[in-house]
Amino acid sequence: PSGTPPPTGDTVETASDFLIDTLTLRSEINKHLAPVFADPDVVKVMHGADMDVRWLQRDFGIYVVNLFDTGRAARTIMAKGESDKLTPGSSAGLAHLLSKYAGVSVDK
Protein backbone atom coordinates (compact mmCIF):
# COMPACT_ATOMS: atom_id res chain seq x y z
CA PRO A 1 0.00 0.00 0.00
CA SER A 2 1.05 3.54 -0.67
CA GLY A 3 2.84 5.22 2.20
CA THR A 4 3.99 1.95 3.74
CA PRO A 5 7.71 2.03 4.67
CA PRO A 6 9.98 -0.45 2.89
CA PRO A 7 10.29 -3.83 4.68
CA THR A 8 13.78 -2.92 5.95
CA GLY A 9 12.28 -0.33 8.26
CA ASP A 10 13.76 2.54 6.26
CA THR A 11 11.75 5.70 5.94
CA VAL A 12 11.63 8.16 3.06
CA GLU A 13 14.37 10.07 4.87
CA THR A 14 16.71 7.06 5.19
CA ALA A 15 15.92 4.82 2.20
CA SER A 16 18.27 4.97 -0.76
CA ASP A 17 16.14 3.54 -3.58
CA PHE A 18 12.77 4.77 -4.73
CA LEU A 19 10.34 3.60 -7.39
CA ILE A 20 8.22 6.47 -8.65
CA ASP A 21 5.10 5.95 -10.76
CA THR A 22 5.68 8.81 -13.18
CA LEU A 23 2.42 8.18 -15.02
CA THR A 24 0.42 8.81 -11.87
CA LEU A 25 2.54 11.84 -10.97
CA ARG A 26 2.90 13.19 -14.52
CA SER A 27 0.92 16.37 -13.79
CA GLU A 28 3.10 17.10 -10.73
CA ILE A 29 6.56 16.48 -12.19
CA ASN A 30 7.12 19.92 -13.71
CA LYS A 31 5.95 21.76 -10.61
CA HIS A 32 8.38 19.91 -8.34
CA LEU A 33 11.39 19.20 -10.56
CA ALA A 34 11.57 22.19 -12.93
CA PRO A 35 12.83 24.66 -10.29
CA VAL A 36 15.62 22.30 -9.19
CA PHE A 37 16.74 21.45 -12.73
CA ALA A 38 16.70 25.13 -13.76
CA ASP A 39 18.66 26.32 -10.71
CA PRO A 40 22.22 27.18 -11.82
CA ASP A 41 23.44 26.88 -8.21
CA VAL A 42 22.60 23.17 -8.17
CA VAL A 43 24.97 20.96 -10.16
CA LYS A 44 23.14 18.11 -11.84
CA VAL A 45 25.30 15.04 -12.51
CA MET A 46 24.00 12.52 -15.03
CA HIS A 47 25.57 9.86 -17.24
CA GLY A 48 24.79 9.79 -20.94
CA ALA A 49 22.13 12.44 -20.50
CA ASP A 50 21.68 13.56 -24.12
CA MET A 51 18.31 11.86 -24.59
CA ASP A 52 17.21 12.39 -20.98
CA VAL A 53 17.60 16.15 -21.40
CA ARG A 54 15.56 16.08 -24.63
CA TRP A 55 12.80 13.99 -23.02
CA LEU A 56 12.63 16.19 -19.93
CA GLN A 57 12.24 19.26 -22.16
CA ARG A 58 9.78 17.67 -24.57
CA ASP A 59 7.62 15.75 -22.10
CA PHE A 60 7.69 17.97 -19.02
CA GLY A 61 8.92 21.41 -20.08
CA ILE A 62 11.92 20.93 -17.76
CA TYR A 63 15.15 22.64 -18.79
CA VAL A 64 18.41 21.40 -17.32
CA VAL A 65 20.91 24.07 -16.28
CA ASN A 66 24.44 23.38 -14.97
CA LEU A 67 24.70 19.72 -15.99
CA PHE A 68 27.84 17.63 -15.77
CA ASP A 69 27.53 14.52 -17.96
CA THR A 70 30.00 11.87 -16.78
CA GLY A 71 29.54 9.84 -19.96
CA ARG A 72 30.35 12.78 -22.20
CA ALA A 73 33.35 13.63 -20.01
CA ALA A 74 34.70 10.08 -20.24
CA ARG A 75 34.24 10.01 -24.03
CA THR A 76 36.00 13.38 -24.37
CA ILE A 77 38.96 12.24 -22.27
CA MET A 78 39.23 9.02 -24.30
CA ALA A 79 39.02 10.86 -27.63
CA LYS A 80 41.77 13.30 -26.65
CA GLY A 81 43.98 10.55 -25.21
CA GLU A 82 44.43 12.61 -22.04
CA SER A 83 44.36 9.65 -19.66
CA ASP A 84 46.40 6.51 -19.40
CA LYS A 85 43.35 4.86 -17.81
CA LEU A 86 40.67 5.97 -20.28
CA THR A 87 42.12 5.05 -23.63
CA PRO A 88 40.43 4.93 -27.03
CA GLY A 89 38.47 1.70 -27.16
CA SER A 90 37.78 1.70 -23.41
CA SER A 91 34.20 1.67 -22.27
CA ALA A 92 32.60 4.94 -21.22
CA GLY A 93 29.63 3.04 -19.79
CA LEU A 94 28.55 3.91 -16.28
CA ALA A 95 28.94 0.35 -14.93
CA HIS A 96 32.50 0.14 -16.29
CA LEU A 97 33.50 3.55 -14.89
CA LEU A 98 32.01 2.82 -11.46
CA SER A 99 33.78 -0.51 -11.30
CA LYS A 100 37.14 0.83 -12.50
CA TYR A 101 37.31 4.07 -10.49
CA ALA A 102 35.01 3.58 -7.51
CA GLY A 103 35.27 -0.18 -7.00
CA VAL A 104 31.48 -0.39 -7.16
CA SER A 105 29.72 -3.16 -9.02
CA VAL A 106 26.27 -2.27 -10.34
CA ASP A 107 23.66 -4.36 -12.08
CA LYS A 108 22.47 -2.08 -14.84
PDB file of N, CA and C in Angstrom:
ATOM      1  N   PRO A   1       0.820  -1.201   0.000  1.00  0.00           N
ATOM      2  CA  PRO A   1       0.000   0.000   0.000  1.00  0.00           C
ATOM      3  C   PRO A   1       0.854   1.250   0.000  1.00  0.00           C
ATOM      4  N   SER A   2       0.322   2.281  -0.575  1.00  0.00           N
ATOM      5  CA  SER A   2       1.049   3.542  -0.669  1.00  0.00           C
ATOM      6  C   SER A   2       1.308   4.095   0.722  1.00  0.00           C
ATOM      7  N   GLY A   3       2.502   4.632   0.920  1.00  0.00           N
ATOM      8  CA  GLY A   3       2.841   5.225   2.196  1.00  0.00           C
ATOM      9  C   GLY A   3       3.425   4.244   3.192  1.00  0.00           C
ATOM     10  N   THR A   4       3.427   2.948   2.850  1.00  0.00           N
ATOM     11  CA  THR A   4       3.994   1.950   3.744  1.00  0.00           C
ATOM     12  C   THR A   4       5.507   1.963   3.617  1.00  0.00           C
ATOM     13  N   PRO A   5       6.246   2.026   4.745  1.00  0.00           N
ATOM     14  CA  PRO A   5       7.714   2.027   4.669  1.00  0.00           C
ATOM     15  C   PRO A   5       8.224   0.728   4.057  1.00  0.00           C
ATOM     16  N   PRO A   6       9.389   0.767   3.432  1.00  0.00           N
ATOM     17  CA  PRO A   6       9.980  -0.452   2.890  1.00  0.00           C
ATOM     18  C   PRO A   6      10.165  -1.482   4.008  1.00  0.00           C
ATOM     19  N   PRO A   7      10.195  -2.785   3.669  1.00  0.00           N
ATOM     20  CA  PRO A   7      10.290  -3.825   4.680  1.00  0.00           C
ATOM     21  C   PRO A   7      11.518  -3.725   5.578  1.00  0.00           C
ATOM     22  N   THR A   8      12.563  -3.029   5.145  1.00  0.00           N
ATOM     23  CA  THR A   8      13.775  -2.917   5.951  1.00  0.00           C
ATOM     24  C   THR A   8      13.596  -1.986   7.136  1.00  0.00           C
ATOM     25  N   GLY A   9      12.495  -1.277   7.191  1.00  0.00           N
ATOM     26  CA  GLY A   9      12.284  -0.332   8.261  1.00  0.00           C
ATOM     27  C   GLY A   9      12.750   1.067   7.892  1.00  0.00           C
ATOM     28  N   ASP A  10      13.338   1.218   6.701  1.00  0.00           N
ATOM     29  CA  ASP A  10      13.761   2.541   6.262  1.00  0.00           C
ATOM     30  C   ASP A  10      12.551   3.438   6.080  1.00  0.00           C
ATOM     31  N   THR A  11      12.784   4.714   6.212  1.00  0.00           N
ATOM     32  CA  THR A  11      11.748   5.703   5.940  1.00  0.00           C
ATOM     33  C   THR A  11      12.139   6.459   4.686  1.00  0.00           C
ATOM     34  N   VAL A  12      11.309   7.344   4.236  1.00  0.00           N
ATOM     35  CA  VAL A  12      11.629   8.164   3.062  1.00  0.00           C
ATOM     36  C   VAL A  12      12.924   8.923   3.302  1.00  0.00           C
ATOM     37  N   GLU A  13      13.163   9.315   4.544  1.00  0.00           N
ATOM     38  CA  GLU A  13      14.365  10.070   4.869  1.00  0.00           C
ATOM     39  C   GLU A  13      15.633   9.218   4.850  1.00  0.00           C
ATOM     40  N   THR A  14      15.519   7.891   5.097  1.00  0.00           N
ATOM     41  CA  THR A  14      16.711   7.059   5.194  1.00  0.00           C
ATOM     42  C   THR A  14      16.865   6.049   4.065  1.00  0.00           C
ATOM     43  N   ALA A  15      15.833   5.788   3.304  1.00  0.00           N
ATOM     44  CA  ALA A  15      15.923   4.817   2.205  1.00  0.00           C
ATOM     45  C   ALA A  15      16.777   5.379   1.075  1.00  0.00           C
ATOM     46  N   SER A  16      17.400   4.497   0.311  1.00  0.00           N
ATOM     47  CA  SER A  16      18.271   4.972  -0.762  1.00  0.00           C
ATOM     48  C   SER A  16      17.716   4.700  -2.153  1.00  0.00           C
ATOM     49  N   ASP A  17      16.724   3.853  -2.268  1.00  0.00           N
ATOM     50  CA  ASP A  17      16.141   3.538  -3.575  1.00  0.00           C
ATOM     51  C   ASP A  17      14.648   3.852  -3.555  1.00  0.00           C
ATOM     52  N   PHE A  18      14.181   4.439  -4.631  1.00  0.00           N
ATOM     53  CA  PHE A  18      12.767   4.768  -4.727  1.00  0.00           C
ATOM     54  C   PHE A  18      12.236   4.361  -6.090  1.00  0.00           C
ATOM     55  N   LEU A  19      11.022   3.889  -6.146  1.00  0.00           N
ATOM     56  CA  LEU A  19      10.342   3.599  -7.388  1.00  0.00           C
ATOM     57  C   LEU A  19       9.195   4.594  -7.476  1.00  0.00           C
ATOM     58  N   ILE A  20       9.205   5.416  -8.519  1.00  0.00           N
ATOM     59  CA  ILE A  20       8.215   6.469  -8.652  1.00  0.00           C
ATOM     60  C   ILE A  20       7.347   6.190  -9.863  1.00  0.00           C
ATOM     61  N   ASP A  21       6.038   6.161  -9.665  1.00  0.00           N
ATOM     62  CA  ASP A  21       5.099   5.952 -10.763  1.00  0.00           C
ATOM     63  C   ASP A  21       4.898   7.292 -11.460  1.00  0.00           C
ATOM     64  N   THR A  22       5.700   7.516 -12.502  1.00  0.00           N
ATOM     65  CA  THR A  22       5.677   8.812 -13.180  1.00  0.00           C
ATOM     66  C   THR A  22       4.390   9.050 -13.952  1.00  0.00           C
ATOM     67  N   LEU A  23       3.694   7.987 -14.327  1.00  0.00           N
ATOM     68  CA  LEU A  23       2.417   8.184 -15.024  1.00  0.00           C
ATOM     69  C   LEU A  23       1.381   8.776 -14.079  1.00  0.00           C
ATOM     70  N   THR A  24       1.353   8.279 -12.856  1.00  0.00           N
ATOM     71  CA  THR A  24       0.419   8.808 -11.866  1.00  0.00           C
ATOM     72  C   THR A  24       0.783  10.246 -11.492  1.00  0.00           C
ATOM     73  N   LEU A  25       2.072  10.522 -11.413  1.00  0.00           N
ATOM     74  CA  LEU A  25       2.542  11.839 -10.971  1.00  0.00           C
ATOM     75  C   LEU A  25       2.845  12.801 -12.126  1.00  0.00           C
ATOM     76  N   ARG A  26       2.535  12.408 -13.343  1.00  0.00           N
ATOM     77  CA  ARG A  26       2.902  13.193 -14.523  1.00  0.00           C
ATOM     78  C   ARG A  26       2.542  14.678 -14.393  1.00  0.00           C
ATOM     79  N   SER A  27       1.357  14.970 -13.890  1.00  0.00           N
ATOM     80  CA  SER A  27       0.923  16.372 -13.791  1.00  0.00           C
ATOM     81  C   SER A  27       1.678  17.148 -12.714  1.00  0.00           C
ATOM     82  N   GLU A  28       2.380  16.455 -11.819  1.00  0.00           N
ATOM     83  CA  GLU A  28       3.097  17.101 -10.729  1.00  0.00           C
ATOM     84  C   GLU A  28       4.591  17.246 -10.990  1.00  0.00           C
ATOM     85  N   ILE A  29       5.114  16.543 -11.979  1.00  0.00           N
ATOM     86  CA  ILE A  29       6.558  16.484 -12.186  1.00  0.00           C
ATOM     87  C   ILE A  29       7.156  17.857 -12.470  1.00  0.00           C
ATOM     88  N   ASN A  30       6.571  18.605 -13.378  1.00  0.00           N
ATOM     89  CA  ASN A  30       7.124  19.919 -13.710  1.00  0.00           C
ATOM     90  C   ASN A  30       7.147  20.830 -12.497  1.00  0.00           C
ATOM     91  N   LYS A  31       6.069  20.863 -11.768  1.00  0.00           N
ATOM     92  CA  LYS A  31       5.952  21.760 -10.612  1.00  0.00           C
ATOM     93  C   LYS A  31       7.065  21.506  -9.586  1.00  0.00           C
ATOM     94  N   HIS A  32       7.422  20.244  -9.385  1.00  0.00           N
ATOM     95  CA  HIS A  32       8.381  19.907  -8.340  1.00  0.00           C
ATOM     96  C   HIS A  32       9.825  19.825  -8.826  1.00  0.00           C
ATOM     97  N   LEU A  33      10.025  19.390 -10.068  1.00  0.00           N
ATOM     98  CA  LEU A  33      11.395  19.200 -10.560  1.00  0.00           C
ATOM     99  C   LEU A  33      11.945  20.378 -11.360  1.00  0.00           C
ATOM    100  N   ALA A  34      11.095  21.101 -12.063  1.00  0.00           N
ATOM    101  CA  ALA A  34      11.572  22.189 -12.927  1.00  0.00           C
ATOM    102  C   ALA A  34      12.414  23.217 -12.168  1.00  0.00           C
ATOM    103  N   PRO A  35      12.003  23.663 -10.992  1.00  0.00           N
ATOM    104  CA  PRO A  35      12.830  24.657 -10.293  1.00  0.00           C
ATOM    105  C   PRO A  35      14.227  24.138  -9.934  1.00  0.00           C
ATOM    106  N   VAL A  36      14.328  22.878  -9.554  1.00  0.00           N
ATOM    107  CA  VAL A  36      15.624  22.302  -9.187  1.00  0.00           C
ATOM    108  C   VAL A  36      16.512  22.162 -10.423  1.00  0.00           C
ATOM    109  N   PHE A  37      15.950  21.636 -11.512  1.00  0.00           N
ATOM    110  CA  PHE A  37      16.739  21.448 -12.731  1.00  0.00           C
ATOM    111  C   PHE A  37      17.147  22.771 -13.372  1.00  0.00           C
ATOM    112  N   ALA A  38      16.384  23.826 -13.169  1.00  0.00           N
ATOM    113  CA  ALA A  38      16.705  25.127 -13.758  1.00  0.00           C
ATOM    114  C   ALA A  38      17.628  25.965 -12.878  1.00  0.00           C
ATOM    115  N   ASP A  39      17.848  25.554 -11.652  1.00  0.00           N
ATOM    116  CA  ASP A  39      18.657  26.320 -10.712  1.00  0.00           C
ATOM    117  C   ASP A  39      20.148  26.172 -11.052  1.00  0.00           C
ATOM    118  N   PRO A  40      20.809  27.270 -11.457  1.00  0.00           N
ATOM    119  CA  PRO A  40      22.223  27.181 -11.816  1.00  0.00           C
ATOM    120  C   PRO A  40      23.139  26.933 -10.619  1.00  0.00           C
ATOM    121  N   ASP A  41      22.636  27.122  -9.407  1.00  0.00           N
ATOM    122  CA  ASP A  41      23.442  26.883  -8.212  1.00  0.00           C
ATOM    123  C   ASP A  41      23.470  25.410  -7.808  1.00  0.00           C
ATOM    124  N   VAL A  42      22.639  24.603  -8.452  1.00  0.00           N
ATOM    125  CA  VAL A  42      22.596  23.170  -8.168  1.00  0.00           C
ATOM    126  C   VAL A  42      23.220  22.442  -9.352  1.00  0.00           C
ATOM    127  N   VAL A  43      24.314  21.734  -9.103  1.00  0.00           N
ATOM    128  CA  VAL A  43      24.966  20.965 -10.158  1.00  0.00           C
ATOM    129  C   VAL A  43      24.215  19.648 -10.322  1.00  0.00           C
ATOM    130  N   LYS A  44      23.789  19.377 -11.530  1.00  0.00           N
ATOM    131  CA  LYS A  44      23.140  18.110 -11.836  1.00  0.00           C
ATOM    132  C   LYS A  44      24.182  17.207 -12.479  1.00  0.00           C
ATOM    133  N   VAL A  45      24.338  15.993 -11.965  1.00  0.00           N
ATOM    134  CA  VAL A  45      25.301  15.037 -12.507  1.00  0.00           C
ATOM    135  C   VAL A  45      24.510  13.864 -13.059  1.00  0.00           C
ATOM    136  N   MET A  46      24.686  13.622 -14.352  1.00  0.00           N
ATOM    137  CA  MET A  46      24.000  12.518 -15.026  1.00  0.00           C
ATOM    138  C   MET A  46      25.022  11.806 -15.904  1.00  0.00           C
ATOM    139  N   HIS A  47      24.677  10.628 -16.358  1.00  0.00           N
ATOM    140  CA  HIS A  47      25.569   9.865 -17.236  1.00  0.00           C
ATOM    141  C   HIS A  47      24.842   9.575 -18.538  1.00  0.00           C
ATOM    142  N   GLY A  48      25.418  10.028 -19.643  1.00  0.00           N
ATOM    143  CA  GLY A  48      24.791   9.789 -20.944  1.00  0.00           C
ATOM    144  C   GLY A  48      23.432  10.465 -21.023  1.00  0.00           C
ATOM    145  N   ALA A  49      23.393  11.725 -20.696  1.00  0.00           N
ATOM    146  CA  ALA A  49      22.127  12.437 -20.504  1.00  0.00           C
ATOM    147  C   ALA A  49      21.532  13.061 -21.759  1.00  0.00           C
ATOM    148  N   ASP A  50      22.160  12.885 -22.907  1.00  0.00           N
ATOM    149  CA  ASP A  50      21.677  13.563 -24.116  1.00  0.00           C
ATOM    150  C   ASP A  50      20.178  13.369 -24.341  1.00  0.00           C
ATOM    151  N   MET A  51      19.735  12.133 -24.340  1.00  0.00           N
ATOM    152  CA  MET A  51      18.312  11.862 -24.591  1.00  0.00           C
ATOM    153  C   MET A  51      17.452  12.226 -23.384  1.00  0.00           C
ATOM    154  N   ASP A  52      17.970  12.033 -22.180  1.00  0.00           N
ATOM    155  CA  ASP A  52      17.206  12.389 -20.985  1.00  0.00           C
ATOM    156  C   ASP A  52      16.858  13.874 -20.986  1.00  0.00           C
ATOM    157  N   VAL A  53      17.827  14.706 -21.355  1.00  0.00           N
ATOM    158  CA  VAL A  53      17.598  16.152 -21.400  1.00  0.00           C
ATOM    159  C   VAL A  53      16.513  16.472 -22.433  1.00  0.00           C
ATOM    160  N   ARG A  54      16.595  15.851 -23.589  1.00  0.00           N
ATOM    161  CA  ARG A  54      15.561  16.083 -24.628  1.00  0.00           C
ATOM    162  C   ARG A  54      14.179  15.667 -24.145  1.00  0.00           C
ATOM    163  N   TRP A  55      14.096  14.483 -23.499  1.00  0.00           N
ATOM    164  CA  TRP A  55      12.803  13.993 -23.021  1.00  0.00           C
ATOM    165  C   TRP A  55      12.250  14.868 -21.907  1.00  0.00           C
ATOM    166  N   LEU A  56      13.100  15.310 -20.999  1.00  0.00           N
ATOM    167  CA  LEU A  56      12.633  16.194 -19.932  1.00  0.00           C
ATOM    168  C   LEU A  56      12.061  17.487 -20.516  1.00  0.00           C
ATOM    169  N   GLN A  57      12.737  18.031 -21.529  1.00  0.00           N
ATOM    170  CA  GLN A  57      12.240  19.259 -22.162  1.00  0.00           C
ATOM    171  C   GLN A  57      10.939  19.000 -22.914  1.00  0.00           C
ATOM    172  N   ARG A  58      10.942  17.949 -23.730  1.00  0.00           N
ATOM    173  CA  ARG A  58       9.775  17.672 -24.566  1.00  0.00           C
ATOM    174  C   ARG A  58       8.557  17.267 -23.744  1.00  0.00           C
ATOM    175  N   ASP A  59       8.753  16.338 -22.806  1.00  0.00           N
ATOM    176  CA  ASP A  59       7.619  15.753 -22.103  1.00  0.00           C
ATOM    177  C   ASP A  59       7.142  16.544 -20.893  1.00  0.00           C
ATOM    178  N   PHE A  60       8.055  17.304 -20.267  1.00  0.00           N
ATOM    179  CA  PHE A  60       7.692  17.970 -19.022  1.00  0.00           C
ATOM    180  C   PHE A  60       7.990  19.463 -19.002  1.00  0.00           C
ATOM    181  N   GLY A  61       8.577  19.998 -20.068  1.00  0.00           N
ATOM    182  CA  GLY A  61       8.924  21.411 -20.077  1.00  0.00           C
ATOM    183  C   GLY A  61       9.988  21.733 -19.046  1.00  0.00           C
ATOM    184  N   ILE A  62      10.854  20.753 -18.744  1.00  0.00           N
ATOM    185  CA  ILE A  62      11.916  20.932 -17.757  1.00  0.00           C
ATOM    186  C   ILE A  62      13.219  21.184 -18.494  1.00  0.00           C
ATOM    187  N   TYR A  63      13.877  22.285 -18.162  1.00  0.00           N
ATOM    188  CA  TYR A  63      15.145  22.640 -18.790  1.00  0.00           C
ATOM    189  C   TYR A  63      16.267  22.452 -17.787  1.00  0.00           C
ATOM    190  N   VAL A  64      17.305  21.757 -18.211  1.00  0.00           N
ATOM    191  CA  VAL A  64      18.411  21.398 -17.319  1.00  0.00           C
ATOM    192  C   VAL A  64      19.526  22.432 -17.454  1.00  0.00           C
ATOM    193  N   VAL A  65      19.866  23.054 -16.335  1.00  0.00           N
ATOM    194  CA  VAL A  65      20.913  24.071 -16.277  1.00  0.00           C
ATOM    195  C   VAL A  65      22.018  23.563 -15.355  1.00  0.00           C
ATOM    196  N   ASN A  66      23.269  23.757 -15.762  1.00  0.00           N
ATOM    197  CA  ASN A  66      24.437  23.376 -14.972  1.00  0.00           C
ATOM    198  C   ASN A  66      24.526  21.857 -14.813  1.00  0.00           C
ATOM    199  N   LEU A  67      24.620  21.185 -15.954  1.00  0.00           N
ATOM    200  CA  LEU A  67      24.696  19.723 -15.988  1.00  0.00           C
ATOM    201  C   LEU A  67      26.122  19.275 -16.257  1.00  0.00           C
ATOM    202  N   PHE A  68      26.582  18.295 -15.487  1.00  0.00           N
ATOM    203  CA  PHE A  68      27.844  17.626 -15.774  1.00  0.00           C
ATOM    204  C   PHE A  68      27.501  16.210 -16.190  1.00  0.00           C
ATOM    205  N   ASP A  69      27.824  15.845 -17.419  1.00  0.00           N
ATOM    206  CA  ASP A  69      27.527  14.520 -17.964  1.00  0.00           C
ATOM    207  C   ASP A  69      28.799  13.672 -17.883  1.00  0.00           C
ATOM    208  N   THR A  70      28.812  12.700 -16.974  1.00  0.00           N
ATOM    209  CA  THR A  70      29.998  11.873 -16.779  1.00  0.00           C
ATOM    210  C   THR A  70      30.314  11.019 -18.005  1.00  0.00           C
ATOM    211  N   GLY A  71      29.306  10.616 -18.741  1.00  0.00           N
ATOM    212  CA  GLY A  71      29.537   9.839 -19.958  1.00  0.00           C
ATOM    213  C   GLY A  71      30.215  10.662 -21.028  1.00  0.00           C
ATOM    214  N   ARG A  72      29.736  11.878 -21.208  1.00  0.00           N
ATOM    215  CA  ARG A  72      30.346  12.776 -22.196  1.00  0.00           C
ATOM    216  C   ARG A  72      31.776  13.120 -21.789  1.00  0.00           C
ATOM    217  N   ALA A  73      32.000  13.326 -20.494  1.00  0.00           N
ATOM    218  CA  ALA A  73      33.349  13.635 -20.014  1.00  0.00           C
ATOM    219  C   ALA A  73      34.293  12.470 -20.286  1.00  0.00           C
ATOM    220  N   ALA A  74      33.852  11.258 -20.012  1.00  0.00           N
ATOM    221  CA  ALA A  74      34.696  10.082 -20.240  1.00  0.00           C
ATOM    222  C   ALA A  74      35.009   9.930 -21.728  1.00  0.00           C
ATOM    223  N   ARG A  75      34.011  10.129 -22.583  1.00  0.00           N
ATOM    224  CA  ARG A  75      34.244  10.009 -24.028  1.00  0.00           C
ATOM    225  C   ARG A  75      35.201  11.095 -24.520  1.00  0.00           C
ATOM    226  N   THR A  76      35.113  12.292 -23.973  1.00  0.00           N
ATOM    227  CA  THR A  76      36.004  13.385 -24.368  1.00  0.00           C
ATOM    228  C   THR A  76      37.443  13.077 -23.959  1.00  0.00           C
ATOM    229  N   ILE A  77      37.612  12.603 -22.749  1.00  0.00           N
ATOM    230  CA  ILE A  77      38.957  12.243 -22.270  1.00  0.00           C
ATOM    231  C   ILE A  77      39.552  11.141 -23.136  1.00  0.00           C
ATOM    232  N   MET A  78      38.732  10.128 -23.462  1.00  0.00           N
ATOM    233  CA  MET A  78      39.227   9.022 -24.296  1.00  0.00           C
ATOM    234  C   MET A  78      39.606   9.516 -25.685  1.00  0.00           C
ATOM    235  N   ALA A  79      38.777  10.379 -26.268  1.00  0.00           N
ATOM    236  CA  ALA A  79      39.024  10.861 -27.626  1.00  0.00           C
ATOM    237  C   ALA A  79      40.297  11.692 -27.700  1.00  0.00           C
ATOM    238  N   LYS A  80      40.584  12.443 -26.647  1.00  0.00           N
ATOM    239  CA  LYS A  80      41.768  13.296 -26.645  1.00  0.00           C
ATOM    240  C   LYS A  80      43.012  12.557 -26.169  1.00  0.00           C
ATOM    241  N   GLY A  81      42.842  11.320 -25.694  1.00  0.00           N
ATOM    242  CA  GLY A  81      43.977  10.553 -25.211  1.00  0.00           C
ATOM    243  C   GLY A  81      44.648  11.191 -24.013  1.00  0.00           C
ATOM    244  N   GLU A  82      43.865  11.874 -23.165  1.00  0.00           N
ATOM    245  CA  GLU A  82      44.429  12.605 -22.036  1.00  0.00           C
ATOM    246  C   GLU A  82      44.510  11.774 -20.757  1.00  0.00           C
ATOM    247  N   SER A  83      44.284  10.487 -20.856  1.00  0.00           N
ATOM    248  CA  SER A  83      44.363   9.651 -19.663  1.00  0.00           C
ATOM    249  C   SER A  83      44.974   8.319 -20.023  1.00  0.00           C
ATOM    250  N   ASP A  84      45.844   7.839 -19.159  1.00  0.00           N
ATOM    251  CA  ASP A  84      46.395   6.511 -19.397  1.00  0.00           C
ATOM    252  C   ASP A  84      45.404   5.432 -18.976  1.00  0.00           C
ATOM    253  N   LYS A  85      44.356   5.823 -18.257  1.00  0.00           N
ATOM    254  CA  LYS A  85      43.350   4.862 -17.810  1.00  0.00           C
ATOM    255  C   LYS A  85      42.168   4.791 -18.774  1.00  0.00           C
ATOM    256  N   LEU A  86      41.762   5.931 -19.312  1.00  0.00           N
ATOM    257  CA  LEU A  86      40.666   5.966 -20.284  1.00  0.00           C
ATOM    258  C   LEU A  86      41.276   6.122 -21.668  1.00  0.00           C
ATOM    259  N   THR A  87      41.474   5.033 -22.323  1.00  0.00           N
ATOM    260  CA  THR A  87      42.119   5.050 -23.633  1.00  0.00           C
ATOM    261  C   THR A  87      41.089   4.789 -24.713  1.00  0.00           C
ATOM    262  N   PRO A  88      41.358   5.226 -25.945  1.00  0.00           N
ATOM    263  CA  PRO A  88      40.429   4.927 -27.030  1.00  0.00           C
ATOM    264  C   PRO A  88      40.143   3.428 -27.069  1.00  0.00           C
ATOM    265  N   GLY A  89      38.876   3.100 -27.170  1.00  0.00           N
ATOM    266  CA  GLY A  89      38.466   1.705 -27.163  1.00  0.00           C
ATOM    267  C   GLY A  89      37.984   1.241 -25.798  1.00  0.00           C
ATOM    268  N   SER A  90      38.304   2.014 -24.738  1.00  0.00           N
ATOM    269  CA  SER A  90      37.780   1.695 -23.406  1.00  0.00           C
ATOM    270  C   SER A  90      36.283   1.962 -23.396  1.00  0.00           C
ATOM    271  N   SER A  91      35.619   1.425 -22.401  1.00  0.00           N
ATOM    272  CA  SER A  91      34.195   1.665 -22.267  1.00  0.00           C
ATOM    273  C   SER A  91      33.945   2.945 -21.476  1.00  0.00           C
ATOM    274  N   ALA A  92      33.017   3.747 -21.952  1.00  0.00           N
ATOM    275  CA  ALA A  92      32.601   4.937 -21.216  1.00  0.00           C
ATOM    276  C   ALA A  92      31.283   4.672 -20.497  1.00  0.00           C
ATOM    277  N   GLY A  93      30.875   3.400 -20.462  1.00  0.00           N
ATOM    278  CA  GLY A  93      29.633   3.044 -19.792  1.00  0.00           C
ATOM    279  C   GLY A  93      29.714   3.269 -18.297  1.00  0.00           C
ATOM    280  N   LEU A  94      28.593   3.594 -17.704  1.00  0.00           N
ATOM    281  CA  LEU A  94      28.550   3.905 -16.277  1.00  0.00           C
ATOM    282  C   LEU A  94      29.007   2.723 -15.426  1.00  0.00           C
ATOM    283  N   ALA A  95      28.551   1.523 -15.728  1.00  0.00           N
ATOM    284  CA  ALA A  95      28.935   0.355 -14.931  1.00  0.00           C
ATOM    285  C   ALA A  95      30.450   0.153 -14.974  1.00  0.00           C
ATOM    286  N   HIS A  96      31.048   0.308 -16.148  1.00  0.00           N
ATOM    287  CA  HIS A  96      32.500   0.139 -16.287  1.00  0.00           C
ATOM    288  C   HIS A  96      33.246   1.210 -15.485  1.00  0.00           C
ATOM    289  N   LEU A  97      32.823   2.452 -15.598  1.00  0.00           N
ATOM    290  CA  LEU A  97      33.498   3.546 -14.894  1.00  0.00           C
ATOM    291  C   LEU A  97      33.374   3.396 -13.376  1.00  0.00           C
ATOM    292  N   LEU A  98      32.188   3.013 -12.896  1.00  0.00           N
ATOM    293  CA  LEU A  98      32.008   2.824 -11.458  1.00  0.00           C
ATOM    294  C   LEU A  98      32.876   1.691 -10.936  1.00  0.00           C
ATOM    295  N   SER A  99      32.964   0.617 -11.712  1.00  0.00           N
ATOM    296  CA  SER A  99      33.780  -0.508 -11.301  1.00  0.00           C
ATOM    297  C   SER A  99      35.261  -0.140 -11.279  1.00  0.00           C
ATOM    298  N   LYS A 100      35.722   0.520 -12.345  1.00  0.00           N
ATOM    299  CA  LYS A 100      37.144   0.828 -12.495  1.00  0.00           C
ATOM    300  C   LYS A 100      37.632   1.889 -11.507  1.00  0.00           C
ATOM    301  N   TYR A 101      36.835   2.932 -11.287  1.00  0.00           N
ATOM    302  CA  TYR A 101      37.315   4.075 -10.495  1.00  0.00           C
ATOM    303  C   TYR A 101      36.753   4.146  -9.086  1.00  0.00           C
ATOM    304  N   ALA A 102      35.603   3.502  -8.845  1.00  0.00           N
ATOM    305  CA  ALA A 102      35.011   3.576  -7.507  1.00  0.00           C
ATOM    306  C   ALA A 102      34.959   2.221  -6.829  1.00  0.00           C
ATOM    307  N   GLY A 103      35.322   1.163  -7.581  1.00  0.00           N
ATOM    308  CA  GLY A 103      35.269  -0.177  -6.996  1.00  0.00           C
ATOM    309  C   GLY A 103      33.868  -0.628  -6.684  1.00  0.00           C
ATOM    310  N   VAL A 104      32.887  -0.077  -7.406  1.00  0.00           N
ATOM    311  CA  VAL A 104      31.480  -0.390  -7.161  1.00  0.00           C
ATOM    312  C   VAL A 104      30.960  -1.222  -8.321  1.00  0.00           C
ATOM    313  N   SER A 105      30.322  -2.323  -8.002  1.00  0.00           N
ATOM    314  CA  SER A 105      29.715  -3.164  -9.023  1.00  0.00           C
ATOM    315  C   SER A 105      28.227  -2.907  -9.054  1.00  0.00           C
ATOM    316  N   VAL A 106      27.710  -2.555 -10.226  1.00  0.00           N
ATOM    317  CA  VAL A 106      26.269  -2.273 -10.345  1.00  0.00           C
ATOM    318  C   VAL A 106      25.655  -3.215 -11.360  1.00  0.00           C
ATOM    319  N   ASP A 107      24.406  -3.521 -11.160  1.00  0.00           N
ATOM    320  CA  ASP A 107      23.657  -4.358 -12.077  1.00  0.00           C
ATOM    321  C   ASP A 107      22.746  -3.438 -12.881  1.00  0.00           C
ATOM    322  N   LYS A 108      23.236  -3.029 -14.039  1.00  0.00           N
ATOM    323  CA  LYS A 108      22.467  -2.077 -14.836  1.00  0.00           C
ATOM    324  C   LYS A 108      21.853  -2.767 -16.013  1.00  0.00           C
TER     325      LYS A 108
END
